[in-house]
Amino acid sequence: MTNRDWYDDRDYESAVERAERMTRIGWRAIAGVVGLLGIGVIAVVVVCLAVVIGMAYVVVAVP
């Protein structure tokens, strides 16, 4: 047999710690991707507004 006692939970606790660590890493990755997508959407909206304002300026400025 092994030298461990019957109440030794080292393997279980190690697996739980690894799972918790991977869960935190996963949530950070998800948050990073969502943040980047949000920044991308904001950038697209700003560019579209700039184009609309530029087109309106051209329409108003042409005699």
Protein backbone atom coordinates (compact mmCIF):
# COMPACT_ATOMS: atom_id res chain seq x y z
CA MET A 1 0.00 0.00 0.00
CA THR A 2 0.95 3.62 0.18
CA ASN A 3 2.32 5.66 3.02
CA ARG A 4 -0.69 7.94 2.99
CA ASP A 5 -3.43 7.90 5.59
CA TRP A 6 -7.00 7.08 4.65
CA TYR A 7 -8.02 10.77 5.05
CA ASP A 8 -5.32 12.12 2.74
CA ASP A 9 -6.98 14.40 0.20
CA ARG A 10 -3.89 15.89 -1.42
CA ASP A 11 -4.74 14.62 -4.90
CA TYR A 12 -8.29 15.92 -4.68
CA GLU A 13 -7.23 19.31 -3.30
CA SER A 14 -4.59 19.66 -5.99
CA ALA A 15 -7.15 18.93 -8.69
CA VAL A 16 -9.56 21.48 -7.20
CA GLU A 17 -6.82 24.13 -7.07
CA ARG A 18 -5.90 23.48 -10.71
CA ALA A 19 -9.55 23.65 -11.75
CA GLU A 20 -10.07 26.93 -9.88
CA ARG A 21 -6.95 28.42 -11.43
CA MET A 22 -8.04 27.41 -14.93
CA THR A 23 -11.51 28.83 -14.28
CA ARG A 24 -10.02 32.19 -13.30
CA ILE A 25 -7.82 32.18 -16.41
CA GLY A 26 -10.83 31.32 -18.56
CA TRP A 27 -12.94 34.14 -17.14
CA ARG A 28 -10.07 36.60 -17.65
CA ALA A 29 -9.77 35.50 -21.27
CA ILE A 30 -13.52 35.87 -21.80
CA ALA A 31 -13.49 39.33 -20.22
CA GLY A 32 -10.53 40.37 -22.39
CA VAL A 33 -12.20 39.23 -25.59
CA VAL A 34 -15.49 40.92 -24.68
CA GLY A 35 -13.60 44.11 -23.83
CA LEU A 36 -11.77 44.08 -27.15
CA LEU A 37 -15.03 43.48 -29.01
CA GLY A 38 -16.61 46.40 -27.16
CA ILE A 39 -13.72 48.67 -28.09
CA GLY A 40 -14.03 47.51 -31.70
CA VAL A 41 -17.76 48.28 -31.79
CA ILE A 42 -17.16 51.72 -30.32
CA ALA A 43 -14.45 52.38 -32.93
CA VAL A 44 -16.78 51.36 -35.77
CA VAL A 45 -19.53 53.64 -34.44
CA VAL A 46 -17.11 56.57 -34.19
CA VAL A 47 -15.87 56.01 -37.75
CA CYS A 48 -19.44 55.76 -39.06
CA LEU A 49 -20.41 58.98 -37.29
CA ALA A 50 -17.34 60.74 -38.71
CA VAL A 51 -18.29 59.59 -42.22
CA VAL A 52 -21.90 60.78 -41.77
CA ILE A 53 -20.73 64.16 -40.45
CA GLY A 54 -18.24 64.47 -43.32
CA MET A 55 -20.92 63.65 -45.90
CA ALA A 56 -23.31 66.15 -44.33
CA TYR A 57 -20.60 68.79 -44.43
CA VAL A 58 -19.96 68.10 -48.12
CA VAL A 59 -23.69 68.30 -48.92
CA VAL A 60 -24.11 71.59 -47.03
CA ALA A 61 -20.88 73.14 -48.33
CA VAL A 62 -21.57 72.48 -52.03
CA PRO A 63 -23.34 75.55 -53.51
